Amino acid sequence: MSYPTLIGEMAKKKITIESMAQFLGLHRNTVSHKLNEGTFCVEEALEIHEKFFPEWDLGKLFERGHK
């Protein structure tokens, strides 16, 4: 399971995994894993939404998809 909308919007806005990881205070591999196989905690999702994608509905942005 991944976050296809979040990943797509990151690409559209040219937001890198590295920049998101730096913002969250996490290693880039941790963020990559969370995007593709893991999950973001509520606090991380809220921070990402507020900083990078405030125009999106939180639920739609973090909707899960199948790989």
N, C-alpha and C. Protein backbone atom coordinates (compact mmCIF):
# COMPACT_ATOMS: atom_id res chain seq x y z
N MET A 1 0.84 -1.18 0.00
CA MET A 1 0.00 0.00 0.00
C MET A 1 0.88 1.25 0.00
N SER A 2 0.43 2.23 -0.72
CA SER A 2 1.17 3.48 -0.77
C SER A 2 0.18 4.65 -0.71
N TYR A 3 0.71 5.83 -0.85
CA TYR A 3 -0.09 7.05 -0.86
C TYR A 3 0.00 7.68 -2.25
N PRO A 4 -0.76 7.18 -3.22
CA PRO A 4 -0.60 7.66 -4.60
C PRO A 4 -0.88 9.14 -4.79
N THR A 5 -1.86 9.69 -4.11
CA THR A 5 -2.15 11.12 -4.26
C THR A 5 -1.01 11.96 -3.70
N LEU A 6 -0.55 11.61 -2.52
CA LEU A 6 0.55 12.34 -1.90
C LEU A 6 1.80 12.27 -2.77
N ILE A 7 2.13 11.09 -3.26
CA ILE A 7 3.31 10.92 -4.11
C ILE A 7 3.17 11.72 -5.40
N GLY A 8 1.99 11.68 -6.00
CA GLY A 8 1.75 12.45 -7.22
C GLY A 8 1.85 13.94 -7.01
N GLU A 9 1.29 14.42 -5.92
CA GLU A 9 1.35 15.85 -5.62
C GLU A 9 2.77 16.29 -5.27
N MET A 10 3.53 15.42 -4.63
CA MET A 10 4.93 15.74 -4.38
C MET A 10 5.66 15.94 -5.70
N ALA A 11 5.40 15.07 -6.66
CA ALA A 11 6.05 15.18 -7.97
C ALA A 11 5.63 16.48 -8.67
N LYS A 12 4.34 16.79 -8.63
CA LYS A 12 3.85 18.02 -9.28
C LYS A 12 4.50 19.27 -8.70
N LYS A 13 4.69 19.28 -7.39
CA LYS A 13 5.26 20.46 -6.73
C LYS A 13 6.78 20.37 -6.58
N LYS A 14 7.36 19.28 -7.11
CA LYS A 14 8.81 19.05 -7.03
C LYS A 14 9.31 19.04 -5.57
N ILE A 15 8.52 18.40 -4.71
CA ILE A 15 8.90 18.23 -3.31
C ILE A 15 9.60 16.88 -3.20
N THR A 16 10.85 16.90 -2.79
CA THR A 16 11.63 15.67 -2.72
C THR A 16 11.40 14.94 -1.39
N ILE A 17 11.72 13.67 -1.42
CA ILE A 17 11.68 12.88 -0.18
C ILE A 17 12.66 13.49 0.82
N GLU A 18 13.80 13.94 0.32
CA GLU A 18 14.82 14.53 1.19
C GLU A 18 14.30 15.78 1.90
N SER A 19 13.60 16.65 1.14
CA SER A 19 13.11 17.88 1.77
C SER A 19 12.01 17.59 2.78
N MET A 20 11.16 16.60 2.47
CA MET A 20 10.12 16.22 3.42
C MET A 20 10.74 15.59 4.66
N ALA A 21 11.75 14.76 4.46
CA ALA A 21 12.42 14.11 5.59
C ALA A 21 13.08 15.16 6.48
N GLN A 22 13.73 16.13 5.88
CA GLN A 22 14.38 17.19 6.66
C GLN A 22 13.35 17.96 7.46
N PHE A 23 12.23 18.29 6.84
CA PHE A 23 11.17 19.02 7.53
C PHE A 23 10.64 18.23 8.73
N LEU A 24 10.46 16.91 8.55
CA LEU A 24 9.92 16.07 9.61
C LEU A 24 10.97 15.65 10.64
N GLY A 25 12.25 15.88 10.33
CA GLY A 25 13.32 15.45 11.23
C GLY A 25 13.55 13.96 11.19
N LEU A 26 13.33 13.36 10.00
CA LEU A 26 13.49 11.92 9.82
C LEU A 26 14.53 11.65 8.74
N HIS A 27 15.04 10.43 8.70
CA HIS A 27 15.96 10.02 7.64
C HIS A 27 15.17 9.85 6.35
N ARG A 28 15.78 10.12 5.20
CA ARG A 28 15.09 10.00 3.92
C ARG A 28 14.57 8.58 3.68
N ASN A 29 15.31 7.56 4.14
CA ASN A 29 14.85 6.18 3.96
C ASN A 29 13.58 5.91 4.76
N THR A 30 13.46 6.53 5.92
CA THR A 30 12.25 6.37 6.73
C THR A 30 11.04 6.95 6.01
N VAL A 31 11.19 8.14 5.44
CA VAL A 31 10.09 8.77 4.71
C VAL A 31 9.76 7.97 3.46
N SER A 32 10.76 7.49 2.76
CA SER A 32 10.52 6.66 1.58
C SER A 32 9.72 5.41 1.94
N HIS A 33 10.10 4.77 3.03
CA HIS A 33 9.37 3.59 3.49
C HIS A 33 7.93 3.94 3.85
N LYS A 34 7.75 5.04 4.56
CA LYS A 34 6.39 5.44 4.95
C LYS A 34 5.53 5.74 3.71
N LEU A 35 6.12 6.36 2.69
CA LEU A 35 5.38 6.68 1.47
C LEU A 35 4.95 5.42 0.71
N ASN A 36 5.81 4.42 0.70
CA ASN A 36 5.60 3.26 -0.16
C ASN A 36 5.05 2.02 0.53
N GLU A 37 5.36 1.84 1.81
CA GLU A 37 4.94 0.60 2.48
C GLU A 37 4.41 0.81 3.88
N GLY A 38 4.83 1.89 4.51
CA GLY A 38 4.48 2.11 5.91
C GLY A 38 3.30 3.04 6.07
N THR A 39 3.27 3.70 7.20
CA THR A 39 2.22 4.66 7.48
C THR A 39 2.82 5.88 8.17
N PHE A 40 2.17 7.01 7.98
CA PHE A 40 2.53 8.22 8.69
C PHE A 40 1.66 8.29 9.94
N CYS A 41 2.23 8.75 11.04
CA CYS A 41 1.41 8.97 12.22
C CYS A 41 0.57 10.22 11.99
N VAL A 42 -0.43 10.43 12.80
CA VAL A 42 -1.35 11.55 12.63
C VAL A 42 -0.59 12.88 12.65
N GLU A 43 0.33 13.02 13.58
CA GLU A 43 1.08 14.28 13.70
C GLU A 43 1.87 14.56 12.43
N GLU A 44 2.52 13.53 11.87
CA GLU A 44 3.29 13.70 10.63
C GLU A 44 2.37 14.10 9.48
N ALA A 45 1.24 13.43 9.36
CA ALA A 45 0.29 13.74 8.29
C ALA A 45 -0.19 15.18 8.40
N LEU A 46 -0.51 15.61 9.61
CA LEU A 46 -0.96 17.00 9.81
C LEU A 46 0.13 18.01 9.45
N GLU A 47 1.37 17.71 9.83
CA GLU A 47 2.48 18.61 9.51
C GLU A 47 2.72 18.69 8.01
N ILE A 48 2.69 17.55 7.33
CA ILE A 48 2.88 17.51 5.87
C ILE A 48 1.76 18.28 5.18
N HIS A 49 0.55 18.03 5.61
CA HIS A 49 -0.61 18.72 5.03
C HIS A 49 -0.48 20.23 5.20
N GLU A 50 -0.19 20.67 6.39
CA GLU A 50 -0.13 22.10 6.70
C GLU A 50 1.00 22.80 5.96
N LYS A 51 2.17 22.16 5.91
CA LYS A 51 3.36 22.78 5.30
C LYS A 51 3.32 22.75 3.78
N PHE A 52 2.99 21.60 3.20
CA PHE A 52 3.16 21.41 1.77
C PHE A 52 1.87 21.43 0.95
N PHE A 53 0.76 20.98 1.51
CA PHE A 53 -0.47 20.79 0.73
C PHE A 53 -1.73 21.30 1.45
N PRO A 54 -1.74 22.53 1.93
CA PRO A 54 -2.90 23.02 2.67
C PRO A 54 -4.17 23.09 1.83
N GLU A 55 -4.02 23.13 0.52
CA GLU A 55 -5.18 23.22 -0.37
C GLU A 55 -5.92 21.88 -0.52
N TRP A 56 -5.30 20.80 -0.08
CA TRP A 56 -5.89 19.47 -0.20
C TRP A 56 -6.70 19.09 1.03
N ASP A 57 -7.73 18.30 0.82
CA ASP A 57 -8.45 17.65 1.91
C ASP A 57 -7.51 16.61 2.50
N LEU A 58 -7.35 16.60 3.81
CA LEU A 58 -6.40 15.70 4.47
C LEU A 58 -6.68 14.23 4.15
N GLY A 59 -7.95 13.84 4.20
CA GLY A 59 -8.31 12.45 3.92
C GLY A 59 -7.98 12.02 2.51
N LYS A 60 -8.23 12.91 1.55
CA LYS A 60 -7.95 12.59 0.13
C LYS A 60 -6.44 12.52 -0.11
N LEU A 61 -5.71 13.44 0.50
CA LEU A 61 -4.25 13.48 0.31
C LEU A 61 -3.59 12.20 0.82
N PHE A 62 -4.08 11.68 1.94
CA PHE A 62 -3.47 10.50 2.55
C PHE A 62 -4.27 9.22 2.30
N GLU A 63 -5.10 9.22 1.25
CA GLU A 63 -5.83 8.02 0.88
C GLU A 63 -4.86 6.95 0.42
N ARG A 64 -5.07 5.72 0.87
CA ARG A 64 -4.16 4.63 0.55
C ARG A 64 -4.53 4.00 -0.78
N GLY A 65 -3.54 3.52 -1.50
CA GLY A 65 -3.75 2.81 -2.76
C GLY A 65 -2.95 1.53 -2.76
N HIS A 66 -3.25 0.67 -3.69
CA HIS A 66 -2.52 -0.60 -3.79
C HIS A 66 -1.35 -0.44 -4.74
N LYS A 67 -0.28 -1.13 -4.43
CA LYS A 67 0.92 -1.12 -5.28
C LYS A 67 0.72 -2.04 -6.45
